[in-house]
Structures are given as structure tokens and as C-alpha cells.
Amino acid sequence: MSILEVKDLSISFNQYMSGLKQRELSVVSGLDVSVKKGEILAIVGASGSGKSLLAHSILGILPANANVSGTIKYKGEALTAKRQESLRAGEIALIPQSVNFLNPLMRVAKQVRSPTNDEATIKAQRDAFERLQLGAEVEDMYPFELSGGMARRTLLSTAIVRDAKLIIADEPTPGLDPVIIKEALQSFRDLADAGRTIILITHDIEAALQIADRIAVFYAGTTLEVASVEDFTGDGSRLRHPYSRALWRALPQNDFIPIAGSQPKPAGLPPGCLFAPRCALMIPDCSEVQPDMRDLREGKVRCLHAT
């Protein structure tokens, strides 16, 4: 059974235009993901593809002008606002993308240990700091005294220390030294092997492939494919969606072939398949309706052409 299941998630925002006119801007539509206990699901996609919005939806921390539909279930039960509040920062933890989430008025070690400060938590915090190469002197520092890399490693340590069952890591490694990245990724793998569930949000497919079990590919606010890491190999022919294959082949270590065009903005989404205007396989039917997500070759895909 899936620990977390997101089905047909759609998110829009009410925005004021000129004067008092309002519009509803759709930014996520028909988004589907699920993740099992002990699994690492990596979510990849360009900026604006809906990765962070998914995380904030799970935690119930979207802004007040957000409209949300679809279902989010945790351990088989709907994640209502009341349940999100009770699980947030405890059983479900977020490693945020921005280091500004650190409390500027609280010493670093106290933040990492919060809300408990017993001997086991202190030991776990110090072990995490040592693993991430944060010296003992960092414990008594305030966030403004940390470098960017130190602050990001501090955020990483909070998830390692707390007994969260579901950890959502939103771009946890940018700007870190390669050695620290390797240690951080291994920490996630160790947590998953110990029974935790990890959602890793990242731009770095190569980093995801080192530790993930499956990869979900997002585009313009929807899920185009969910595939095993073993499918990301060779020329990408084992992948199901044209965008996933193009993304794989665009990497420098592969063919380094750029993808023509750009991801559409929320205010200018095309009809039908969102990738159709950039797809070499496009036929008129692709512009009629967005394809449903379907099972294919032990993965999932949203494409008329996938076989």
C-alpha cells in the first residue's frame, strides 16, 4: 500500500488584475504521484512544473488565494487541513528549498533538535552534523552566521534527526560541495532503507538516479511519466514519454541535444497535451484533450503515442 497517494491534483490561484477584476490562474492540473514505505521517489522537471506546489499541498501550506481539488491520502486516509496540521513538522517533514525557513532568532542546534532536547536527540543532532561536516562550533551559531552551504546542510540535518515517516526534500543539494552532496544523498538512502519514505524534488536527474527507486517527470503542472530508475539508461528508449526521452538526451553526458521551445506559462497553456507544441510526434488528436495517466510497462505515462 502507498504511504502517500496524490490523485488528480489541481491547483489554481485567484489573482487581481487591473482595478478589482479577478482571474483564476491554473498552475497544476491532473497531477498524480504515489510513494510506498521505504521508497525514494524523485520528482524532476523544469522550474514552474509544479514540484514545490505539490510539496506545499501535501503539507497544507499553500497561500490563502489557492484553490485545490483532487485527493491527497496519507496512510490510506484523506489529508484534511486538520490532519495536515497535526502531522506537519512531526510525522511529515519538509526540507525547504530556501534557507530563509531557518529561524533567525534561534541557535542552530536548538532548531535542529526542536521540539525535543533529550539525550537521544542531542546525539542524533551531533551525529548528523558530523556526517554533514558541520563542526561542533556550529551548534551555538545563529543562521546569519552560516554560509549558504552550511545553512542548507543544517536544513538537511533536521530531517535526519527528527523521526519523520515521510520526508519531502525540496532541492536539498544546490550549491553544496560534491562530497557533501554525496553524503546528503546517502543519508536519504539510509533513511529509506530504515523504513522512512522520501520524496526528493530536484533538477538534477543524475543525483536522483544515485539513490531513487522511481522518478516522476513533471511538466507545466502535471505528471507526464513515472518510471523506474533502470529506465533512465542508454539512448532513453525504455522511457515512455517523448519529453522524458528528450530530457534524458539533453544531458551533457548523453547526446546533449537541446529541447526546442520552452515550457508554457500557466496563463498560456495549450489545449490537449501540454507538451504537444514541442513534440515531434504531435498529431491533431494531441491538441484535442489532455491524455489520461495510464499504466504501461511497469510505469505510468500520459501520452497517446507511448507503447
Protein backbone atom coordinates (compact mmCIF):
# COMPACT_ATOMS: atom_id res chain seq x y z
CA MET A 1 0.00 0.00 0.00
CA SER A 2 1.19 3.52 -0.76
CA ILE A 3 2.13 5.73 2.19
CA LEU A 4 1.18 8.78 0.13
CA GLU A 5 -1.16 8.90 -2.84
CA VAL A 6 -1.93 12.04 -4.83
CA LYS A 7 -4.67 11.70 -7.42
CA ASP A 8 -5.82 14.26 -10.00
CA LEU A 9 -4.44 17.20 -8.00
CA SER A 10 -5.24 20.61 -9.48
CA ILE A 11 -4.24 23.99 -8.05
CA SER A 12 -5.25 27.45 -9.18
CA PHE A 13 -4.79 30.91 -7.70
CA ASN A 14 -7.18 33.85 -7.57
CA GLN A 15 -5.35 36.93 -8.83
CA TYR A 16 -6.38 40.56 -9.05
CA MET A 17 -5.97 42.19 -12.44
CA SER A 18 -6.40 45.91 -13.15
CA GLY A 19 -8.89 47.54 -10.84
CA LEU A 20 -10.92 44.97 -8.92
CA LYS A 21 -11.08 42.39 -11.69
CA GLN A 22 -10.01 38.88 -10.76
CA ARG A 23 -8.86 35.88 -12.72
CA GLU A 24 -8.28 32.28 -11.73
CA LEU A 25 -4.85 31.11 -12.89
CA SER A 26 -4.43 27.34 -13.19
CA VAL A 27 -0.88 26.21 -12.39
CA VAL A 28 -1.29 22.48 -11.63
CA SER A 29 -3.73 20.12 -13.34
CA GLY A 30 -4.27 16.37 -13.16
CA LEU A 31 -1.14 15.69 -11.15
CA ASP A 32 -0.71 12.08 -9.95
CA VAL A 33 2.02 10.51 -7.78
CA SER A 34 2.28 7.80 -5.13
CA VAL A 35 5.12 6.57 -2.94
CA LYS A 36 5.50 3.49 -0.75
CA LYS A 37 7.13 2.92 2.64
CA GLY A 38 10.91 2.72 2.35
CA GLU A 39 10.88 4.15 -1.16
CA ILE A 40 12.58 7.22 -2.60
CA LEU A 41 10.52 8.91 -5.30
CA ALA A 42 12.44 11.62 -7.14
CA ILE A 43 10.43 14.34 -8.85
CA VAL A 44 12.20 16.08 -11.72
CA GLY A 45 11.16 18.87 -14.04
CA ALA A 46 11.88 22.43 -15.03
CA SER A 47 11.17 25.40 -12.78
CA GLY A 48 7.45 26.09 -12.75
CA SER A 49 6.46 22.48 -13.38
CA GLY A 50 4.64 22.16 -10.05
CA LYS A 51 7.23 20.34 -7.93
CA SER A 52 7.25 22.69 -4.93
CA LEU A 53 3.50 23.27 -5.15
CA LEU A 54 3.00 19.54 -4.70
CA ALA A 55 5.10 19.65 -1.52
CA HIS A 56 3.19 22.62 -0.14
CA SER A 57 -0.13 20.95 -0.99
CA ILE A 58 0.81 17.83 0.96
CA LEU A 59 1.74 19.93 3.98
CA GLY A 60 -1.23 22.29 3.66
CA ILE A 61 0.88 25.44 3.46
CA LEU A 62 -0.39 26.94 0.19
CA PRO A 63 -1.35 30.65 0.34
CA ALA A 64 -4.92 31.67 1.14
CA ASN A 65 -5.74 32.51 -2.50
CA ALA A 66 -5.12 28.92 -3.64
CA ASN A 67 -7.93 26.68 -4.87
CA VAL A 68 -7.20 22.95 -4.57
CA SER A 69 -9.08 19.95 -5.94
CA GLY A 70 -8.28 16.25 -6.21
CA THR A 71 -7.32 13.89 -3.41
CA ILE A 72 -4.25 13.51 -1.21
CA LYS A 73 -4.17 10.43 1.02
CA TYR A 74 -1.63 9.60 3.72
CA LYS A 75 -1.64 6.02 5.01
CA GLY A 76 -4.93 5.48 3.20
CA GLU A 77 -6.78 8.40 4.81
CA ALA A 78 -7.53 11.80 3.30
CA LEU A 79 -5.14 14.58 4.32
CA THR A 80 -7.64 17.09 5.65
CA ALA A 81 -6.47 20.51 6.85
CA LYS A 82 -6.80 19.37 10.48
CA ARG A 83 -4.78 16.21 9.82
CA GLN A 84 -2.12 18.14 7.90
CA GLU A 85 -1.67 20.47 10.87
CA SER A 86 -1.27 17.56 13.31
CA LEU A 87 1.27 15.74 11.09
CA ARG A 88 3.24 18.74 9.86
CA ALA A 89 6.82 19.01 11.17
CA GLY A 90 6.32 15.72 13.01
CA GLU A 91 5.36 12.64 11.05
CA ILE A 92 5.61 14.58 7.77
CA ALA A 93 8.67 16.83 7.44
CA LEU A 94 9.75 19.30 4.77
CA ILE A 95 13.31 20.21 3.94
CA PRO A 96 12.53 23.53 2.26
CA GLN A 97 14.27 24.93 -0.77
CA SER A 98 15.01 28.28 0.87
CA VAL A 99 17.36 28.65 3.82
CA ASN A 100 15.15 31.55 4.94
CA PHE A 101 12.99 28.93 6.66
CA LEU A 102 15.56 28.86 9.48
CA ASN A 103 14.51 30.91 12.50
CA PRO A 104 16.93 33.87 12.62
CA LEU A 105 16.47 34.26 16.40
CA MET A 106 17.24 30.66 17.42
CA ARG A 107 20.60 28.94 17.67
CA VAL A 108 21.15 26.27 15.02
CA ALA A 109 21.38 23.19 17.26
CA LYS A 110 18.21 24.10 19.14
CA GLN A 111 16.32 24.40 15.85
CA VAL A 112 17.52 21.01 14.66
CA ARG A 113 16.60 19.31 17.96
CA SER A 114 13.22 21.06 18.37
CA PRO A 115 10.71 20.21 19.77
CA THR A 116 12.61 17.68 21.94
CA ASN A 117 16.00 18.11 23.57
CA ASP A 118 16.69 14.75 25.25
CA GLU A 119 19.99 12.86 25.18
CA ALA A 120 18.99 10.73 22.15
CA THR A 121 18.04 13.81 20.13
CA ILE A 122 21.24 15.63 21.06
CA LYS A 123 23.29 12.61 19.98
CA ALA A 124 21.33 12.32 16.71
CA GLN A 125 21.92 16.01 16.01
CA ARG A 126 25.64 15.76 16.65
CA ASP A 127 25.94 12.61 14.55
CA ALA A 128 24.11 14.37 11.69
CA PHE A 129 26.35 17.43 11.97
CA GLU A 130 29.46 15.25 11.90
CA ARG A 131 28.21 13.35 8.86
CA LEU A 132 27.47 16.59 7.01
CA GLN A 133 30.80 18.14 8.09
CA LEU A 134 29.30 20.76 10.38
CA GLY A 135 31.75 21.41 13.23
CA ALA A 136 30.79 21.46 16.90
CA GLU A 137 31.07 25.26 16.89
CA VAL A 138 28.09 25.47 14.52
CA GLU A 139 25.74 24.33 17.31
CA ASP A 140 25.82 27.73 19.01
CA MET A 141 25.65 29.81 15.85
CA TYR A 142 22.66 31.76 14.56
CA PRO A 143 21.57 31.35 10.91
CA PHE A 144 23.06 34.70 9.84
CA GLU A 145 26.49 33.39 10.87
CA LEU A 146 26.28 30.42 8.49
CA SER A 147 27.43 30.30 4.89
CA GLY A 148 24.84 29.29 2.31
CA GLY A 149 26.19 25.74 2.17
CA MET A 150 26.24 25.44 5.97
CA ALA A 151 22.65 26.67 6.20
CA ARG A 152 21.49 24.12 3.64
CA ARG A 153 23.29 21.33 5.48
CA THR A 154 21.58 22.46 8.68
CA LEU A 155 18.21 22.08 6.98
CA LEU A 156 19.24 18.61 5.82
CA SER A 157 20.13 17.61 9.35
CA THR A 158 16.66 18.48 10.67
CA ALA A 159 15.10 15.68 8.61
CA ILE A 160 17.82 13.24 9.62
CA VAL A 161 17.31 13.96 13.31
CA ARG A 162 13.51 14.08 13.51
CA ASP A 163 11.52 10.87 13.47
CA ALA A 164 9.53 11.82 10.38
CA LYS A 165 7.95 8.94 8.48
CA LEU A 166 7.57 10.97 5.27
CA ILE A 167 10.33 13.41 4.33
CA ILE A 168 9.90 15.85 1.45
CA ALA A 169 13.24 17.30 0.37
CA ASP A 170 12.79 20.30 -1.93
CA GLU A 171 16.01 20.92 -3.89
CA PRO A 172 18.27 20.00 -0.95
CA THR A 173 21.66 19.94 -2.69
CA PRO A 174 22.24 23.06 -4.90
CA GLY A 175 25.41 24.93 -4.03
CA LEU A 176 26.88 22.12 -1.96
CA ASP A 177 30.32 20.62 -2.38
CA PRO A 178 30.23 17.29 -4.32
CA VAL A 179 31.45 15.41 -1.24
CA ILE A 180 28.64 16.89 0.88
CA ILE A 181 26.11 16.12 -1.85
CA LYS A 182 27.21 12.50 -1.82
CA GLU A 183 26.89 12.33 1.98
CA ALA A 184 23.47 14.03 1.92
CA LEU A 185 22.13 11.68 -0.74
CA GLN A 186 23.46 8.66 1.12
CA SER A 187 21.70 9.92 4.24
CA PHE A 188 18.40 9.87 2.35
CA ARG A 189 19.10 6.34 1.10
CA ASP A 190 19.93 5.18 4.63
CA LEU A 191 16.71 6.73 5.96
CA ALA A 192 14.67 4.98 3.28
CA ASP A 193 16.38 1.66 3.93
CA ALA A 194 15.44 2.11 7.60
CA GLY A 195 11.76 2.43 6.65
CA ARG A 196 11.31 6.16 6.07
CA THR A 197 9.63 7.39 2.89
CA ILE A 198 11.37 10.11 0.85
CA ILE A 199 10.15 12.48 -1.85
CA LEU A 200 13.19 14.13 -3.44
CA ILE A 201 12.40 17.21 -5.53
CA THR A 202 15.30 18.09 -7.79
CA HIS A 203 16.50 19.44 -11.14
CA ASP A 204 19.45 17.04 -11.02
CA ILE A 205 18.47 13.77 -12.69
CA GLU A 206 21.95 12.34 -12.17
CA ALA A 207 21.73 12.93 -8.40
CA ALA A 208 18.27 11.36 -8.32
CA LEU A 209 19.48 8.27 -10.15
CA GLN A 210 22.09 7.62 -7.45
CA ILE A 211 19.52 6.95 -4.72
CA ALA A 212 15.93 6.94 -6.05
CA ASP A 213 13.75 3.92 -6.73
CA ARG A 214 11.43 5.68 -9.17
CA ILE A 215 11.37 9.05 -10.93
CA ALA A 216 8.30 11.15 -11.70
CA VAL A 217 8.68 13.61 -14.57
CA PHE A 218 6.66 16.84 -14.19
CA TYR A 219 5.88 19.32 -16.95
CA ALA A 220 3.77 22.51 -16.86
CA GLY A 221 1.93 21.43 -13.72
CA THR A 222 1.19 17.79 -14.49
CA THR A 223 2.80 14.35 -14.34
CA LEU A 224 3.93 13.06 -17.73
CA GLU A 225 5.64 9.86 -16.62
CA VAL A 226 6.61 7.76 -13.62
CA ALA A 227 9.45 5.35 -14.37
CA SER A 228 11.93 3.10 -12.61
CA VAL A 229 15.48 4.44 -12.39
CA GLU A 230 16.54 1.48 -14.54
CA ASP A 231 14.62 3.04 -17.46
CA PHE A 232 16.98 6.02 -17.50
CA THR A 233 19.75 4.37 -19.47
CA GLY A 234 21.35 4.25 -22.91
CA ASP A 235 19.51 6.33 -25.51
CA GLY A 236 16.40 6.60 -23.33
CA SER A 237 14.38 4.19 -25.45
CA ARG A 238 13.00 2.46 -22.35
CA LEU A 239 11.31 5.70 -21.29
CA ARG A 240 7.68 6.11 -22.30
CA HIS A 241 7.09 9.83 -22.88
CA PRO A 242 8.78 11.93 -25.61
CA TYR A 243 9.56 14.65 -23.06
CA SER A 244 11.26 12.21 -20.68
CA ARG A 245 13.41 10.90 -23.53
CA ALA A 246 14.24 14.43 -24.69
CA LEU A 247 15.13 15.46 -21.12
CA TRP A 248 17.43 12.45 -20.80
CA ARG A 249 19.12 13.04 -24.15
CA ALA A 250 19.65 16.74 -23.34
CA LEU A 251 22.06 15.88 -20.53
CA PRO A 252 25.75 16.67 -21.29
CA GLN A 253 26.84 13.08 -20.66
CA ASN A 254 24.31 11.83 -23.20
CA ASP A 255 23.65 13.39 -26.62
CA PHE A 256 23.49 16.99 -25.28
CA ILE A 257 20.60 17.72 -27.67
CA PRO A 258 18.55 20.74 -26.52
CA ILE A 259 14.75 20.55 -26.48
CA ALA A 260 13.25 23.04 -28.92
CA GLY A 261 10.85 25.61 -27.48
CA SER A 262 10.06 26.20 -23.82
CA GLN A 263 7.65 25.07 -21.15
CA PRO A 264 4.37 27.04 -21.44
CA LYS A 265 3.43 29.58 -18.79
CA PRO A 266 0.31 28.97 -16.66
CA ALA A 267 -1.53 31.78 -18.45
CA GLY A 268 -0.79 30.29 -21.88
CA LEU A 269 -1.30 26.55 -21.59
CA PRO A 270 -2.09 24.86 -24.92
CA PRO A 271 -5.19 22.70 -25.35
CA GLY A 272 -4.75 18.95 -25.13
CA CYS A 273 -1.32 17.53 -24.34
CA LEU A 274 0.78 20.24 -22.71
CA PHE A 275 3.96 19.04 -24.43
CA ALA A 276 2.36 18.77 -27.90
CA PRO A 277 3.66 22.11 -29.31
CA ARG A 278 7.25 20.90 -28.74
CA CYS A 279 6.74 17.25 -29.65
CA ALA A 280 7.95 15.76 -32.96
CA LEU A 281 5.25 13.08 -32.69
CA MET A 282 2.33 15.51 -32.43
CA ILE A 283 -0.82 14.67 -34.41
CA PRO A 284 -4.14 16.60 -34.44
CA ASP A 285 -5.57 14.34 -31.70
CA CYS A 286 -2.85 15.54 -29.33
CA SER A 287 -4.41 19.00 -29.29
CA GLU A 288 -7.92 17.79 -28.50
CA VAL A 289 -7.73 16.66 -24.87
CA GLN A 290 -5.04 16.03 -22.27
CA PRO A 291 -4.37 12.26 -22.20
CA ASP A 292 -5.18 10.29 -19.08
CA MET A 293 -2.41 8.80 -16.98
CA ARG A 294 -2.17 5.06 -17.74
CA ASP A 295 -0.11 2.07 -16.72
CA LEU A 296 2.49 0.95 -19.25
CA ARG A 297 5.48 -1.39 -18.95
CA GLU A 298 5.57 -1.28 -15.14
CA GLY A 299 5.44 2.51 -15.19
CA LYS A 300 2.90 5.25 -15.85
CA VAL A 301 2.60 7.68 -18.74
CA ARG A 302 0.36 10.45 -20.08
CA CYS A 303 0.77 10.17 -23.88
CA LEU A 304 -1.23 8.91 -26.86
CA HIS A 305 1.89 7.61 -28.60
CA ALA A 306 3.51 5.68 -25.76
CA THR A 307 3.82 1.93 -26.38
